[in-house]
mmCIF file of all heavy atoms, coordinates in Angstrom:
data_MODEL
# 
_entry.id   MODEL 
# 
loop_
_atom_site.group_PDB 
_atom_site.id 
_atom_site.type_symbol 
_atom_site.label_atom_id 
_atom_site.label_alt_id 
_atom_site.label_comp_id 
_atom_site.label_asym_id 
_atom_site.label_entity_id 
_atom_site.label_seq_id 
_atom_site.pdbx_PDB_ins_code 
_atom_site.Cartn_x 
_atom_site.Cartn_y 
_atom_site.Cartn_z 
_atom_site.occupancy 
_atom_site.B_iso_or_equiv 
_atom_site.pdbx_formal_charge 
_atom_site.auth_seq_id 
_atom_site.auth_comp_id 
_atom_site.auth_asym_id 
_atom_site.auth_atom_id 
_atom_site.pdbx_PDB_model_num 
ATOM 1   N N   . ARG A 1 1  ? 0.843  -1.200  -0.047 1.00 0.00 ? 1  ARG A N   1 
ATOM 2   C CA  . ARG A 1 1  ? 0.001  0.026   0.016  1.00 0.00 ? 1  ARG A CA  1 
ATOM 3   C C   . ARG A 1 1  ? 0.848  1.285   -0.038 1.00 0.00 ? 1  ARG A C   1 
ATOM 4   O O   . ARG A 1 1  ? 2.024  1.201   0.473  1.00 0.00 ? 1  ARG A O   1 
ATOM 5   C CB  . ARG A 1 1  ? -0.935 -0.016  1.159  1.00 0.00 ? 1  ARG A CB  1 
ATOM 6   C CG  . ARG A 1 1  ? -0.269 0.083   2.568  1.00 0.00 ? 1  ARG A CG  1 
ATOM 7   C CD  . ARG A 1 1  ? -1.282 -0.130  3.719  1.00 0.00 ? 1  ARG A CD  1 
ATOM 8   N NE  . ARG A 1 1  ? -0.673 0.003   4.953  1.00 0.00 ? 1  ARG A NE  1 
ATOM 9   C CZ  . ARG A 1 1  ? -1.338 -0.218  6.089  1.00 0.00 ? 1  ARG A CZ  1 
ATOM 10  N NH1 . ARG A 1 1  ? -2.619 -0.566  6.076  1.00 0.00 ? 1  ARG A NH1 1 
ATOM 11  N NH2 . ARG A 1 1  ? -0.673 -0.128  7.277  1.00 0.00 ? 1  ARG A NH2 1 
ATOM 12  N N   . GLN A 1 2  ? 0.275  2.310   -0.557 1.00 0.00 ? 2  GLN A N   1 
ATOM 13  C CA  . GLN A 1 2  ? 1.025  3.581   -0.599 1.00 0.00 ? 2  GLN A CA  1 
ATOM 14  C C   . GLN A 1 2  ? 0.039  4.700   -0.329 1.00 0.00 ? 2  GLN A C   1 
ATOM 15  O O   . GLN A 1 2  ? -0.910 4.887   -1.080 1.00 0.00 ? 2  GLN A O   1 
ATOM 16  C CB  . GLN A 1 2  ? 1.680  3.690   -1.994 1.00 0.00 ? 2  GLN A CB  1 
ATOM 17  C CG  . GLN A 1 2  ? 2.658  4.993   -2.013 1.00 0.00 ? 2  GLN A CG  1 
ATOM 18  C CD  . GLN A 1 2  ? 3.568  4.872   -3.236 1.00 0.00 ? 2  GLN A CD  1 
ATOM 19  O OE1 . GLN A 1 2  ? 3.186  4.268   -4.262 1.00 0.00 ? 2  GLN A OE1 1 
ATOM 20  N NE2 . GLN A 1 2  ? 4.696  5.613   -3.089 1.00 0.00 ? 2  GLN A NE2 1 
ATOM 21  N N   . ALA A 1 3  ? 0.359  5.493   0.682  1.00 0.00 ? 3  ALA A N   1 
ATOM 22  C CA  . ALA A 1 3  ? -0.414 6.699   0.992  1.00 0.00 ? 3  ALA A CA  1 
ATOM 23  C C   . ALA A 1 3  ? 0.233  7.912   0.407  1.00 0.00 ? 3  ALA A C   1 
ATOM 24  O O   . ALA A 1 3  ? 1.546  7.875   0.054  1.00 0.00 ? 3  ALA A O   1 
ATOM 25  C CB  . ALA A 1 3  ? -0.506 6.862   2.485  1.00 0.00 ? 3  ALA A CB  1 
ATOM 26  N N   . PRO A 1 4  ? -0.377 9.010   0.047  1.00 0.00 ? 4  PRO A N   1 
ATOM 27  C CA  . PRO A 1 4  ? 0.247  10.170  -0.447 1.00 0.00 ? 4  PRO A CA  1 
ATOM 28  C C   . PRO A 1 4  ? 1.393  10.652  0.304  1.00 0.00 ? 4  PRO A C   1 
ATOM 29  O O   . PRO A 1 4  ? 1.322  10.794  1.573  1.00 0.00 ? 4  PRO A O   1 
ATOM 30  C CB  . PRO A 1 4  ? -0.923 11.235  -0.482 1.00 0.00 ? 4  PRO A CB  1 
ATOM 31  C CG  . PRO A 1 4  ? -2.106 10.376  -0.560 1.00 0.00 ? 4  PRO A CG  1 
ATOM 32  C CD  . PRO A 1 4  ? -1.882 9.208   0.268  1.00 0.00 ? 4  PRO A CD  1 
ATOM 33  N N   . GLY A 1 5  ? 2.540  10.926  -0.333 1.00 0.00 ? 5  GLY A N   1 
ATOM 34  C CA  . GLY A 1 5  ? 3.806  11.331  0.307  1.00 0.00 ? 5  GLY A CA  1 
ATOM 35  C C   . GLY A 1 5  ? 4.525  10.288  1.038  1.00 0.00 ? 5  GLY A C   1 
ATOM 36  O O   . GLY A 1 5  ? 5.537  10.604  1.684  1.00 0.00 ? 5  GLY A O   1 
ATOM 37  N N   . LYS A 1 6  ? 4.061  9.043   0.979  1.00 0.00 ? 6  LYS A N   1 
ATOM 38  C CA  . LYS A 1 6  ? 4.731  7.977   1.742  1.00 0.00 ? 6  LYS A CA  1 
ATOM 39  C C   . LYS A 1 6  ? 5.327  6.906   0.758  1.00 0.00 ? 6  LYS A C   1 
ATOM 40  O O   . LYS A 1 6  ? 4.894  6.869   -0.378 1.00 0.00 ? 6  LYS A O   1 
ATOM 41  C CB  . LYS A 1 6  ? 3.732  7.268   2.685  1.00 0.00 ? 6  LYS A CB  1 
ATOM 42  C CG  . LYS A 1 6  ? 3.032  8.135   3.703  1.00 0.00 ? 6  LYS A CG  1 
ATOM 43  C CD  . LYS A 1 6  ? 4.000  8.573   4.731  1.00 0.00 ? 6  LYS A CD  1 
ATOM 44  C CE  . LYS A 1 6  ? 3.309  9.382   5.845  1.00 0.00 ? 6  LYS A CE  1 
ATOM 45  N NZ  . LYS A 1 6  ? 4.179  9.739   6.901  1.00 0.00 ? 6  LYS A NZ  1 
ATOM 46  N N   . ASP A 1 7  ? 6.292  6.119   1.236  1.00 0.00 ? 7  ASP A N   1 
ATOM 47  C CA  . ASP A 1 7  ? 6.808  5.037   0.489  1.00 0.00 ? 7  ASP A CA  1 
ATOM 48  C C   . ASP A 1 7  ? 5.800  3.960   0.378  1.00 0.00 ? 7  ASP A C   1 
ATOM 49  O O   . ASP A 1 7  ? 4.945  3.806   1.253  1.00 0.00 ? 7  ASP A O   1 
ATOM 50  C CB  . ASP A 1 7  ? 8.103  4.621   1.089  1.00 0.00 ? 7  ASP A CB  1 
ATOM 51  C CG  . ASP A 1 7  ? 9.225  5.553   1.061  1.00 0.00 ? 7  ASP A CG  1 
ATOM 52  O OD1 . ASP A 1 7  ? 9.226  6.427   0.175  1.00 0.00 ? 7  ASP A OD1 1 
ATOM 53  O OD2 . ASP A 1 7  ? 10.172 5.452   1.879  1.00 0.00 ? 7  ASP A OD2 1 
ATOM 54  N N   . ARG A 1 8  ? 5.929  3.231   -0.665 1.00 0.00 ? 8  ARG A N   1 
ATOM 55  C CA  . ARG A 1 8  ? 5.114  1.984   -0.723 1.00 0.00 ? 8  ARG A CA  1 
ATOM 56  C C   . ARG A 1 8  ? 5.609  1.003   0.286  1.00 0.00 ? 8  ARG A C   1 
ATOM 57  O O   . ARG A 1 8  ? 6.747  0.731   0.432  1.00 0.00 ? 8  ARG A O   1 
ATOM 58  C CB  . ARG A 1 8  ? 5.280  1.386   -2.184 1.00 0.00 ? 8  ARG A CB  1 
ATOM 59  C CG  . ARG A 1 8  ? 4.335  0.225   -2.377 1.00 0.00 ? 8  ARG A CG  1 
ATOM 60  C CD  . ARG A 1 8  ? 4.365  -0.190  -3.891 1.00 0.00 ? 8  ARG A CD  1 
ATOM 61  N NE  . ARG A 1 8  ? 3.876  0.899   -4.705 1.00 0.00 ? 8  ARG A NE  1 
ATOM 62  C CZ  . ARG A 1 8  ? 3.668  0.912   -5.986 1.00 0.00 ? 8  ARG A CZ  1 
ATOM 63  N NH1 . ARG A 1 8  ? 3.846  -0.346  -6.636 1.00 0.00 ? 8  ARG A NH1 1 
ATOM 64  N NH2 . ARG A 1 8  ? 3.217  1.909   -6.709 1.00 0.00 ? 8  ARG A NH2 1 
ATOM 65  N N   . GLU A 1 9  ? 4.632  0.404   1.097  1.00 0.00 ? 9  GLU A N   1 
ATOM 66  C CA  . GLU A 1 9  ? 4.960  -0.434  2.130  1.00 0.00 ? 9  GLU A CA  1 
ATOM 67  C C   . GLU A 1 9  ? 4.321  -1.766  2.055  1.00 0.00 ? 9  GLU A C   1 
ATOM 68  O O   . GLU A 1 9  ? 3.193  -1.897  1.479  1.00 0.00 ? 9  GLU A O   1 
ATOM 69  C CB  . GLU A 1 9  ? 4.632  0.261   3.512  1.00 0.00 ? 9  GLU A CB  1 
ATOM 70  C CG  . GLU A 1 9  ? 3.121  0.325   3.805  1.00 0.00 ? 9  GLU A CG  1 
ATOM 71  C CD  . GLU A 1 9  ? 2.870  0.781   5.239  1.00 0.00 ? 9  GLU A CD  1 
ATOM 72  O OE1 . GLU A 1 9  ? 3.750  0.930   6.005  1.00 0.00 ? 9  GLU A OE1 1 
ATOM 73  O OE2 . GLU A 1 9  ? 1.695  1.090   5.556  1.00 0.00 ? 9  GLU A OE2 1 
ATOM 74  N N   . PHE A 1 10 ? 5.068  -2.731  2.580  1.00 0.00 ? 10 PHE A N   1 
ATOM 75  C CA  . PHE A 1 10 ? 4.583  -4.133  2.552  1.00 0.00 ? 10 PHE A CA  1 
ATOM 76  C C   . PHE A 1 10 ? 3.438  -4.301  3.464  1.00 0.00 ? 10 PHE A C   1 
ATOM 77  O O   . PHE A 1 10 ? 3.413  -3.704  4.563  1.00 0.00 ? 10 PHE A O   1 
ATOM 78  C CB  . PHE A 1 10 ? 5.687  -5.023  2.997  1.00 0.00 ? 10 PHE A CB  1 
ATOM 79  C CG  . PHE A 1 10 ? 5.282  -6.424  3.256  1.00 0.00 ? 10 PHE A CG  1 
ATOM 80  C CD1 . PHE A 1 10 ? 5.029  -7.286  2.211  1.00 0.00 ? 10 PHE A CD1 1 
ATOM 81  C CD2 . PHE A 1 10 ? 5.214  -6.899  4.567  1.00 0.00 ? 10 PHE A CD2 1 
ATOM 82  C CE1 . PHE A 1 10 ? 4.610  -8.657  2.472  1.00 0.00 ? 10 PHE A CE1 1 
ATOM 83  C CE2 . PHE A 1 10 ? 4.827  -8.217  4.815  1.00 0.00 ? 10 PHE A CE2 1 
ATOM 84  C CZ  . PHE A 1 10 ? 4.559  -9.092  3.785  1.00 0.00 ? 10 PHE A CZ  1 
ATOM 85  N N   . VAL A 1 11 ? 2.434  -5.108  3.055  1.00 0.00 ? 11 VAL A N   1 
ATOM 86  C CA  . VAL A 1 11 ? 1.290  -5.331  3.894  1.00 0.00 ? 11 VAL A CA  1 
ATOM 87  C C   . VAL A 1 11 ? 1.217  -6.865  4.230  1.00 0.00 ? 11 VAL A C   1 
ATOM 88  O O   . VAL A 1 11 ? 1.108  -7.248  5.285  1.00 0.00 ? 11 VAL A O   1 
ATOM 89  C CB  . VAL A 1 11 ? -0.060 -4.900  3.151  1.00 0.00 ? 11 VAL A CB  1 
ATOM 90  C CG1 . VAL A 1 11 ? -1.282 -5.315  3.989  1.00 0.00 ? 11 VAL A CG1 1 
ATOM 91  C CG2 . VAL A 1 11 ? 0.003  -3.416  2.882  1.00 0.00 ? 11 VAL A CG2 1 
ATOM 92  N N   . ALA A 1 12 ? 1.202  -7.646  3.209  1.00 0.00 ? 12 ALA A N   1 
ATOM 93  C CA  . ALA A 1 12 ? 1.150  -9.088  3.401  1.00 0.00 ? 12 ALA A CA  1 
ATOM 94  C C   . ALA A 1 12 ? 1.608  -9.859  2.191  1.00 0.00 ? 12 ALA A C   1 
ATOM 95  O O   . ALA A 1 12 ? 1.592  -9.325  1.063  1.00 0.00 ? 12 ALA A O   1 
ATOM 96  C CB  . ALA A 1 12 ? -0.388 -9.500  3.707  1.00 0.00 ? 12 ALA A CB  1 
ATOM 97  N N   . ALA A 1 13 ? 1.978  -11.115 2.397  1.00 0.00 ? 13 ALA A N   1 
ATOM 98  C CA  . ALA A 1 13 ? 2.444  -11.994 1.298  1.00 0.00 ? 13 ALA A CA  1 
ATOM 99  C C   . ALA A 1 13 ? 1.941  -13.386 1.539  1.00 0.00 ? 13 ALA A C   1 
ATOM 100 O O   . ALA A 1 13 ? 1.750  -13.801 2.706  1.00 0.00 ? 13 ALA A O   1 
ATOM 101 C CB  . ALA A 1 13 ? 3.886  -11.869 1.092  1.00 0.00 ? 13 ALA A CB  1 
ATOM 102 N N   . ILE A 1 14 ? 1.893  -14.184 0.487  1.00 0.00 ? 14 ILE A N   1 
ATOM 103 C CA  . ILE A 1 14 ? 1.513  -15.545 0.581  1.00 0.00 ? 14 ILE A CA  1 
ATOM 104 C C   . ILE A 1 14 ? 2.266  -16.389 -0.468 1.00 0.00 ? 14 ILE A C   1 
ATOM 105 O O   . ILE A 1 14 ? 2.497  -15.894 -1.463 1.00 0.00 ? 14 ILE A O   1 
ATOM 106 C CB  . ILE A 1 14 ? -0.050 -15.666 0.344  1.00 0.00 ? 14 ILE A CB  1 
ATOM 107 C CG1 . ILE A 1 14 ? -0.518 -17.123 0.657  1.00 0.00 ? 14 ILE A CG1 1 
ATOM 108 C CG2 . ILE A 1 14 ? -0.420 -15.249 -1.001 1.00 0.00 ? 14 ILE A CG2 1 
ATOM 109 C CD1 . ILE A 1 14 ? -2.038 -17.258 0.788  1.00 0.00 ? 14 ILE A CD1 1 
ATOM 110 N N   . ASN A 1 15 ? 2.669  -17.540 -0.099 1.00 0.00 ? 15 ASN A N   1 
ATOM 111 C CA  . ASN A 1 15 ? 3.488  -18.361 -1.013 1.00 0.00 ? 15 ASN A CA  1 
ATOM 112 C C   . ASN A 1 15 ? 2.542  -18.986 -2.086 1.00 0.00 ? 15 ASN A C   1 
ATOM 113 O O   . ASN A 1 15 ? 1.327  -18.802 -2.057 1.00 0.00 ? 15 ASN A O   1 
ATOM 114 C CB  . ASN A 1 15 ? 4.272  -19.409 -0.312 1.00 0.00 ? 15 ASN A CB  1 
ATOM 115 C CG  . ASN A 1 15 ? 3.401  -20.546 0.266  1.00 0.00 ? 15 ASN A CG  1 
ATOM 116 O OD1 . ASN A 1 15 ? 2.205  -20.420 0.536  1.00 0.00 ? 15 ASN A OD1 1 
ATOM 117 N ND2 . ASN A 1 15 ? 4.059  -21.709 0.459  1.00 0.00 ? 15 ASN A ND2 1 
ATOM 118 N N   . TRP A 1 16 ? 3.177  -19.717 -2.959 1.00 0.00 ? 16 TRP A N   1 
ATOM 119 C CA  . TRP A 1 16 ? 2.400  -20.185 -4.159 1.00 0.00 ? 16 TRP A CA  1 
ATOM 120 C C   . TRP A 1 16 ? 1.207  -21.029 -3.825 1.00 0.00 ? 16 TRP A C   1 
ATOM 121 O O   . TRP A 1 16 ? 0.160  -20.897 -4.586 1.00 0.00 ? 16 TRP A O   1 
ATOM 122 C CB  . TRP A 1 16 ? 3.303  -20.899 -5.158 1.00 0.00 ? 16 TRP A CB  1 
ATOM 123 C CG  . TRP A 1 16 ? 3.719  -22.261 -4.672 1.00 0.00 ? 16 TRP A CG  1 
ATOM 124 C CD1 . TRP A 1 16 ? 4.745  -22.599 -3.768 1.00 0.00 ? 16 TRP A CD1 1 
ATOM 125 C CD2 . TRP A 1 16 ? 3.064  -23.497 -4.925 1.00 0.00 ? 16 TRP A CD2 1 
ATOM 126 N NE1 . TRP A 1 16 ? 4.787  -23.974 -3.594 1.00 0.00 ? 16 TRP A NE1 1 
ATOM 127 C CE2 . TRP A 1 16 ? 3.727  -24.500 -4.273 1.00 0.00 ? 16 TRP A CE2 1 
ATOM 128 C CE3 . TRP A 1 16 ? 1.979  -23.844 -5.745 1.00 0.00 ? 16 TRP A CE3 1 
ATOM 129 C CZ2 . TRP A 1 16 ? 3.377  -25.919 -4.418 1.00 0.00 ? 16 TRP A CZ2 1 
ATOM 130 C CZ3 . TRP A 1 16 ? 1.594  -25.197 -5.931 1.00 0.00 ? 16 TRP A CZ3 1 
ATOM 131 C CH2 . TRP A 1 16 ? 2.293  -26.220 -5.215 1.00 0.00 ? 16 TRP A CH2 1 
ATOM 132 N N   . ASN A 1 17 ? 1.212  -21.804 -2.814 1.00 0.00 ? 17 ASN A N   1 
ATOM 133 C CA  . ASN A 1 17 ? 0.113  -22.693 -2.554 1.00 0.00 ? 17 ASN A CA  1 
ATOM 134 C C   . ASN A 1 17 ? -0.671 -22.277 -1.258 1.00 0.00 ? 17 ASN A C   1 
ATOM 135 O O   . ASN A 1 17 ? -1.546 -23.034 -0.887 1.00 0.00 ? 17 ASN A O   1 
ATOM 136 C CB  . ASN A 1 17 ? 0.592  -24.150 -2.409 1.00 0.00 ? 17 ASN A CB  1 
ATOM 137 C CG  . ASN A 1 17 ? 1.541  -24.429 -1.319 1.00 0.00 ? 17 ASN A CG  1 
ATOM 138 O OD1 . ASN A 1 17 ? 1.840  -23.497 -0.548 1.00 0.00 ? 17 ASN A OD1 1 
ATOM 139 N ND2 . ASN A 1 17 ? 1.938  -25.646 -1.102 1.00 0.00 ? 17 ASN A ND2 1 
ATOM 140 N N   . GLY A 1 18 ? -0.379 -21.156 -0.721 1.00 0.00 ? 18 GLY A N   1 
ATOM 141 C CA  . GLY A 1 18 ? -1.149 -20.643 0.352  1.00 0.00 ? 18 GLY A CA  1 
ATOM 142 C C   . GLY A 1 18 ? -0.827 -21.259 1.772  1.00 0.00 ? 18 GLY A C   1 
ATOM 143 O O   . GLY A 1 18 ? -1.503 -20.928 2.650  1.00 0.00 ? 18 GLY A O   1 
ATOM 144 N N   . THR A 1 19 ? 0.255  -21.970 1.800  1.00 0.00 ? 19 THR A N   1 
ATOM 145 C CA  . THR A 1 19 ? 0.599  -22.575 3.026  1.00 0.00 ? 19 THR A CA  1 
ATOM 146 C C   . THR A 1 19 ? 1.433  -21.733 4.044  1.00 0.00 ? 19 THR A C   1 
ATOM 147 O O   . THR A 1 19 ? 1.534  -22.063 5.195  1.00 0.00 ? 19 THR A O   1 
ATOM 148 C CB  . THR A 1 19 ? 1.436  -23.976 2.899  1.00 0.00 ? 19 THR A CB  1 
ATOM 149 O OG1 . THR A 1 19 ? 2.592  -23.697 2.156  1.00 0.00 ? 19 THR A OG1 1 
ATOM 150 C CG2 . THR A 1 19 ? 0.504  -24.896 2.124  1.00 0.00 ? 19 THR A CG2 1 
ATOM 151 N N   . SER A 1 20 ? 1.937  -20.620 3.486  1.00 0.00 ? 20 SER A N   1 
ATOM 152 C CA  . SER A 1 20 ? 2.754  -19.673 4.297  1.00 0.00 ? 20 SER A CA  1 
ATOM 153 C C   . SER A 1 20 ? 2.243  -18.323 4.063  1.00 0.00 ? 20 SER A C   1 
ATOM 154 O O   . SER A 1 20 ? 2.065  -17.905 2.920  1.00 0.00 ? 20 SER A O   1 
ATOM 155 C CB  . SER A 1 20 ? 4.258  -19.795 3.970  1.00 0.00 ? 20 SER A CB  1 
ATOM 156 O OG  . SER A 1 20 ? 4.740  -21.115 4.352  1.00 0.00 ? 20 SER A OG  1 
ATOM 157 N N   . THR A 1 21 ? 2.091  -17.536 5.116  1.00 0.00 ? 21 THR A N   1 
ATOM 158 C CA  . THR A 1 21 ? 1.584  -16.104 4.990  1.00 0.00 ? 21 THR A CA  1 
ATOM 159 C C   . THR A 1 21 ? 2.551  -15.305 5.812  1.00 0.00 ? 21 THR A C   1 
ATOM 160 O O   . THR A 1 21 ? 3.090  -15.709 6.846  1.00 0.00 ? 21 THR A O   1 
ATOM 161 C CB  . THR A 1 21 ? 0.181  -15.955 5.505  1.00 0.00 ? 21 THR A CB  1 
ATOM 162 O OG1 . THR A 1 21 ? 0.005  -16.422 6.820  1.00 0.00 ? 21 THR A OG1 1 
ATOM 163 C CG2 . THR A 1 21 ? -0.734 -16.702 4.535  1.00 0.00 ? 21 THR A CG2 1 
ATOM 164 N N   . TYR A 1 22 ? 2.621  -14.032 5.487  1.00 0.00 ? 22 TYR A N   1 
ATOM 165 C CA  . TYR A 1 22 ? 3.489  -13.037 6.155  1.00 0.00 ? 22 TYR A CA  1 
ATOM 166 C C   . TYR A 1 22 ? 2.691  -11.703 6.198  1.00 0.00 ? 22 TYR A C   1 
ATOM 167 O O   . TYR A 1 22 ? 2.022  -11.349 5.266  1.00 0.00 ? 22 TYR A O   1 
ATOM 168 C CB  . TYR A 1 22 ? 4.755  -12.869 5.325  1.00 0.00 ? 22 TYR A CB  1 
ATOM 169 C CG  . TYR A 1 22 ? 5.440  -14.163 5.017  1.00 0.00 ? 22 TYR A CG  1 
ATOM 170 C CD1 . TYR A 1 22 ? 5.087  -14.867 3.811  1.00 0.00 ? 22 TYR A CD1 1 
ATOM 171 C CD2 . TYR A 1 22 ? 6.436  -14.689 5.735  1.00 0.00 ? 22 TYR A CD2 1 
ATOM 172 C CE1 . TYR A 1 22 ? 5.657  -16.066 3.496  1.00 0.00 ? 22 TYR A CE1 1 
ATOM 173 C CE2 . TYR A 1 22 ? 6.937  -15.901 5.503  1.00 0.00 ? 22 TYR A CE2 1 
ATOM 174 C CZ  . TYR A 1 22 ? 6.592  -16.575 4.352  1.00 0.00 ? 22 TYR A CZ  1 
ATOM 175 O OH  . TYR A 1 22 ? 7.222  -17.801 4.008  1.00 0.00 ? 22 TYR A OH  1 
ATOM 176 N N   . TYR A 1 23 ? 2.865  -11.009 7.282  1.00 0.00 ? 23 TYR A N   1 
ATOM 177 C CA  . TYR A 1 23 ? 2.110  -9.759  7.542  1.00 0.00 ? 23 TYR A CA  1 
ATOM 178 C C   . TYR A 1 23 ? 3.039  -8.704  8.159  1.00 0.00 ? 23 TYR A C   1 
ATOM 179 O O   . TYR A 1 23 ? 3.886  -8.961  9.066  1.00 0.00 ? 23 TYR A O   1 
ATOM 180 C CB  . TYR A 1 23 ? 0.984  -10.014 8.465  1.00 0.00 ? 23 TYR A CB  1 
ATOM 181 C CG  . TYR A 1 23 ? -0.078 -10.973 7.942  1.00 0.00 ? 23 TYR A CG  1 
ATOM 182 C CD1 . TYR A 1 23 ? -0.096 -12.331 8.254  1.00 0.00 ? 23 TYR A CD1 1 
ATOM 183 C CD2 . TYR A 1 23 ? -1.108 -10.476 7.142  1.00 0.00 ? 23 TYR A CD2 1 
ATOM 184 C CE1 . TYR A 1 23 ? -1.107 -13.152 7.763  1.00 0.00 ? 23 TYR A CE1 1 
ATOM 185 C CE2 . TYR A 1 23 ? -2.070 -11.282 6.601  1.00 0.00 ? 23 TYR A CE2 1 
ATOM 186 C CZ  . TYR A 1 23 ? -2.020 -12.640 6.958  1.00 0.00 ? 23 TYR A CZ  1 
ATOM 187 O OH  . TYR A 1 23 ? -3.051 -13.472 6.434  1.00 0.00 ? 23 TYR A OH  1 
ATOM 188 N N   . GLN A 1 24 ? 2.779  -7.499  7.768  1.00 0.00 ? 24 GLN A N   1 
ATOM 189 C CA  . GLN A 1 24 ? 3.282  -6.348  8.496  1.00 0.00 ? 24 GLN A CA  1 
ATOM 190 C C   . GLN A 1 24 ? 2.688  -6.340  9.861  1.00 0.00 ? 24 GLN A C   1 
ATOM 191 O O   . GLN A 1 24 ? 1.529  -6.694  10.094 1.00 0.00 ? 24 GLN A O   1 
ATOM 192 C CB  . GLN A 1 24 ? 2.970  -5.030  7.759  1.00 0.00 ? 24 GLN A CB  1 
ATOM 193 C CG  . GLN A 1 24 ? 3.451  -3.790  8.325  1.00 0.00 ? 24 GLN A CG  1 
ATOM 194 C CD  . GLN A 1 24 ? 2.763  -2.583  7.949  1.00 0.00 ? 24 GLN A CD  1 
ATOM 195 O OE1 . GLN A 1 24 ? 2.090  -1.943  8.692  1.00 0.00 ? 24 GLN A OE1 1 
ATOM 196 N NE2 . GLN A 1 24 ? 2.915  -2.200  6.667  1.00 0.00 ? 24 GLN A NE2 1 
ATOM 197 N N   . ASP A 1 25 ? 3.518  -5.929  10.905 1.00 0.00 ? 25 ASP A N   1 
ATOM 198 C CA  . ASP A 1 25 ? 3.044  -6.007  12.238 1.00 0.00 ? 25 ASP A CA  1 
ATOM 199 C C   . ASP A 1 25 ? 1.760  -5.201  12.494 1.00 0.00 ? 25 ASP A C   1 
ATOM 200 O O   . ASP A 1 25 ? 0.913  -5.670  13.264 1.00 0.00 ? 25 ASP A O   1 
ATOM 201 C CB  . ASP A 1 25 ? 4.115  -5.468  13.204 1.00 0.00 ? 25 ASP A CB  1 
ATOM 202 C CG  . ASP A 1 25 ? 5.309  -6.432  13.339 1.00 0.00 ? 25 ASP A CG  1 
ATOM 203 O OD1 . ASP A 1 25 ? 5.126  -7.566  12.921 1.00 0.00 ? 25 ASP A OD1 1 
ATOM 204 O OD2 . ASP A 1 25 ? 6.317  -5.942  13.782 1.00 0.00 ? 25 ASP A OD2 1 
ATOM 205 N N   . SER A 1 26 ? 1.557  -4.117  11.796 1.00 0.00 ? 26 SER A N   1 
ATOM 206 C CA  . SER A 1 26 ? 0.408  -3.228  12.107 1.00 0.00 ? 26 SER A CA  1 
ATOM 207 C C   . SER A 1 26 ? -0.921 -3.833  11.591 1.00 0.00 ? 26 SER A C   1 
ATOM 208 O O   . SER A 1 26 ? -1.969 -3.397  12.050 1.00 0.00 ? 26 SER A O   1 
ATOM 209 C CB  . SER A 1 26 ? 0.616  -1.893  11.467 1.00 0.00 ? 26 SER A CB  1 
ATOM 210 O OG  . SER A 1 26 ? 0.639  -1.966  10.069 1.00 0.00 ? 26 SER A OG  1 
ATOM 211 N N   . VAL A 1 27 ? -0.831 -4.889  10.735 1.00 0.00 ? 27 VAL A N   1 
ATOM 212 C CA  . VAL A 1 27 ? -2.052 -5.414  10.235 1.00 0.00 ? 27 VAL A CA  1 
ATOM 213 C C   . VAL A 1 27 ? -2.291 -6.925  10.764 1.00 0.00 ? 27 VAL A C   1 
ATOM 214 O O   . VAL A 1 27 ? -3.323 -7.462  10.487 1.00 0.00 ? 27 VAL A O   1 
ATOM 215 C CB  . VAL A 1 27 ? -2.161 -5.481  8.680  1.00 0.00 ? 27 VAL A CB  1 
ATOM 216 C CG1 . VAL A 1 27 ? -1.839 -4.123  8.137  1.00 0.00 ? 27 VAL A CG1 1 
ATOM 217 C CG2 . VAL A 1 27 ? -1.100 -6.499  8.095  1.00 0.00 ? 27 VAL A CG2 1 
ATOM 218 N N   . LYS A 1 28 ? -1.320 -7.403  11.486 1.00 0.00 ? 28 LYS A N   1 
ATOM 219 C CA  . LYS A 1 28 ? -1.500 -8.832  12.102 1.00 0.00 ? 28 LYS A CA  1 
ATOM 220 C C   . LYS A 1 28 ? -2.736 -8.807  12.957 1.00 0.00 ? 28 LYS A C   1 
ATOM 221 O O   . LYS A 1 28 ? -2.936 -8.006  13.773 1.00 0.00 ? 28 LYS A O   1 
ATOM 222 C CB  . LYS A 1 28 ? -0.256 -9.136  12.830 1.00 0.00 ? 28 LYS A CB  1 
ATOM 223 C CG  . LYS A 1 28 ? 1.001  -9.458  12.023 1.00 0.00 ? 28 LYS A CG  1 
ATOM 224 C CD  . LYS A 1 28 ? 2.136  -9.849  12.900 1.00 0.00 ? 28 LYS A CD  1 
ATOM 225 C CE  . LYS A 1 28 ? 3.341  -10.187 12.095 1.00 0.00 ? 28 LYS A CE  1 
ATOM 226 N NZ  . LYS A 1 28 ? 4.559  -10.436 12.901 1.00 0.00 ? 28 LYS A NZ  1 
# 
C-alpha cells in the first residue's frame, strides 16, 4: 500500500500454494 507522500510499504504476502503467510506488524 502507498499513501500520499509515503513510500510503498509491505502489507502481506503468501506463497504459491497458500501454506505460508506473512504480515506487516500493524495489520496482524
